[in-house]
Structures are given as structure tokens and as C-alpha cells.
């Protein structure tokens, strides 16, 4: 699939704001949503922020899967699924994403 660039931001340790362009297909491992509806894009190079709706990512990128109420996973980078812990792991990354019990079978089928 062709890349989908998006401008995002993050706050540095010194309080400054840094903007970047990330590719939703190649760079993003998963997207999580906080209680205040701010999105965090978890990438290989760190976390970035964006305002928007979590569900838009599943519609925008065919390889994204809504795994629970707060996470959309990029299946291109998902490497394993632990059905006991309901967690998805990513290629050579310490980050994991949660999976709702109701999505367990669907997730297992897509990652085997």
C-alpha cells in the first residue's frame, strides 16, 4: 500500500513542541486514544500526538484493526498475539497494545 503521510506533534522534555510527518502505513505501530480524546501515535521513533477520532484510522488504513475501545493496531507491524494476556506485540519493540476479550478470536485469526 502507498504511504499516507500525516503531520503530528509531540512535546519535548524542555516543553517545546516538535512537529513531524509520519507515514501511517510504514511508521505507526498503533494508535491509542486517551480519555480526553487525544490520540497518541506510537511509532518506532517515539510517540506523537494528534486530535481526531480513533475509528477514522481503521477506515483510513486497510491494515489497521480496532482491537478495543482505545487502540487501533497496524497489522503490518504486529508480530504476535498473547491470547492469555490479550496483548499484541510489535517487531522488535517493547510497546504492546491491548485487545478486548470480544476481539480475541478475530485478532488471533489475523495474526496467525
Protein backbone atom coordinates (compact mmCIF):
# COMPACT_ATOMS: atom_id res chain seq x y z
CA UNK A 1 0.00 0.00 0.00
CA UNK A 2 1.15 3.52 -0.79
CA UNK A 3 2.19 5.66 2.19
CA UNK A 4 -0.19 8.01 3.98
CA UNK A 5 1.74 10.97 5.46
CA UNK A 6 0.25 12.90 8.36
CA UNK A 7 1.57 15.88 10.34
CA UNK A 8 1.71 15.20 14.08
CA UNK A 9 3.30 16.81 17.16
CA UNK A 10 4.96 15.99 20.46
CA UNK A 11 6.11 17.92 23.48
CA UNK A 12 9.83 17.64 24.21
CA UNK A 13 11.36 17.41 27.69
CA UNK A 14 12.16 21.15 27.60
CA UNK A 15 8.49 21.95 26.92
CA UNK A 16 8.96 22.87 23.27
CA UNK A 17 6.64 21.49 20.62
CA UNK A 18 8.09 19.46 17.76
CA UNK A 19 6.13 18.69 14.60
CA UNK A 20 6.87 15.81 12.29
CA UNK A 21 5.39 13.99 9.35
CA UNK A 22 4.80 10.29 9.96
CA UNK A 23 3.64 7.70 7.47
CA UNK A 24 0.53 5.97 8.80
CA UNK A 25 1.40 2.80 6.88
CA UNK A 26 5.15 2.49 7.43
CA UNK A 27 5.86 4.31 10.72
CA UNK A 28 2.90 3.82 13.06
CA UNK A 29 2.72 0.66 15.19
CA UNK A 30 -0.59 1.51 16.83
CA UNK A 31 -2.80 4.43 17.80
CA UNK A 32 -4.28 4.86 21.27
CA UNK A 33 -6.93 7.29 22.50
CA UNK A 34 -6.90 8.99 25.89
CA UNK A 35 -9.94 9.93 27.97
CA UNK A 36 -9.80 13.49 26.59
CA UNK A 37 -9.95 12.07 23.02
CA UNK A 38 -6.35 12.96 22.22
CA UNK A 39 -4.70 10.38 20.00
CA UNK A 40 -1.20 9.03 20.55
CA UNK A 41 0.57 7.56 17.55
CA UNK A 42 3.12 5.00 18.74
CA UNK A 43 5.97 4.85 16.22
CA UNK A 44 9.48 3.40 16.05
CA UNK A 45 10.84 6.88 16.76
CA UNK A 46 8.61 7.67 19.74
CA UNK A 47 5.12 8.88 20.49
CA UNK A 48 3.34 11.69 18.66
CA UNK A 49 0.00 13.38 19.29
CA UNK A 50 -2.93 14.19 17.08
CA UNK A 51 -6.52 15.30 17.54
CA UNK A 52 -9.11 13.14 15.84
CA UNK A 53 -11.32 10.09 16.13
CA UNK A 54 -9.77 6.69 16.70
CA UNK A 55 -12.26 5.00 14.37
CA UNK A 56 -11.08 7.09 11.41
CA UNK A 57 -7.81 5.16 11.33
CA UNK A 58 -9.48 1.80 10.79
CA UNK A 59 -11.39 3.28 7.85
CA UNK A 60 -8.42 5.24 6.50
CA UNK A 61 -5.81 2.46 6.54
CA UNK A 62 -6.93 -1.06 5.49
CA UNK A 63 -4.21 -2.73 7.60
CA UNK A 64 -5.47 -1.11 10.83
CA UNK A 65 -7.66 -3.08 13.24
CA UNK A 66 -9.71 -1.66 16.12
CA UNK A 67 -8.77 -4.04 18.95
CA UNK A 68 -10.61 -2.36 21.82
CA UNK A 69 -12.19 0.97 22.73
CA UNK A 70 -8.80 2.71 22.98
CA UNK A 71 -6.48 1.07 20.40
CA UNK A 72 -6.17 0.66 16.65
CA UNK A 73 -3.30 -1.63 15.62
CA UNK A 74 -1.32 -1.50 12.37
CA UNK A 75 -1.30 -5.20 11.44
CA UNK A 76 1.73 -4.66 9.17
CA UNK A 77 3.87 -4.30 12.29
CA UNK A 78 2.09 -6.66 14.69
CA UNK A 79 4.19 -9.77 15.27
CA UNK A 80 2.44 -11.79 17.93
CA UNK A 81 -0.70 -12.02 19.99
CA UNK A 82 -0.85 -13.38 23.54
CA UNK A 83 -4.43 -14.63 23.98
CA UNK A 84 -3.97 -15.10 27.74
CA UNK A 85 -2.78 -11.55 28.38
CA UNK A 86 -4.81 -10.08 25.49
CA UNK A 87 -1.76 -8.17 24.23
CA UNK A 88 -0.30 -7.61 20.76
CA UNK A 89 3.49 -7.28 20.41
CA UNK A 90 5.33 -5.49 17.63
CA UNK A 91 8.50 -6.14 15.65
CA UNK A 92 11.50 -5.63 17.92
CA UNK A 93 9.62 -3.09 20.04
CA UNK A 94 8.83 -3.10 23.73
CA UNK A 95 5.42 -1.49 23.11
CA UNK A 96 2.29 -3.61 23.30
CA UNK A 97 -1.36 -2.89 22.60
CA UNK A 98 -4.37 -4.28 24.42
CA UNK A 99 -7.13 -6.37 22.86
CA UNK A 100 -10.69 -6.60 24.15
CA UNK A 101 -11.83 -10.13 25.01
CA UNK A 102 -14.61 -9.83 22.42
CA UNK A 103 -11.92 -9.28 19.71
CA UNK A 104 -9.75 -12.19 20.84
CA UNK A 105 -10.75 -14.69 18.15
CA UNK A 106 -10.65 -12.16 15.30
CA UNK A 107 -7.20 -10.93 16.40
CA UNK A 108 -5.86 -14.46 16.78
CA UNK A 109 -7.08 -15.32 13.27
CA UNK A 110 -5.43 -12.28 11.71
CA UNK A 111 -2.08 -12.76 13.45
CA UNK A 112 -1.56 -16.48 12.88
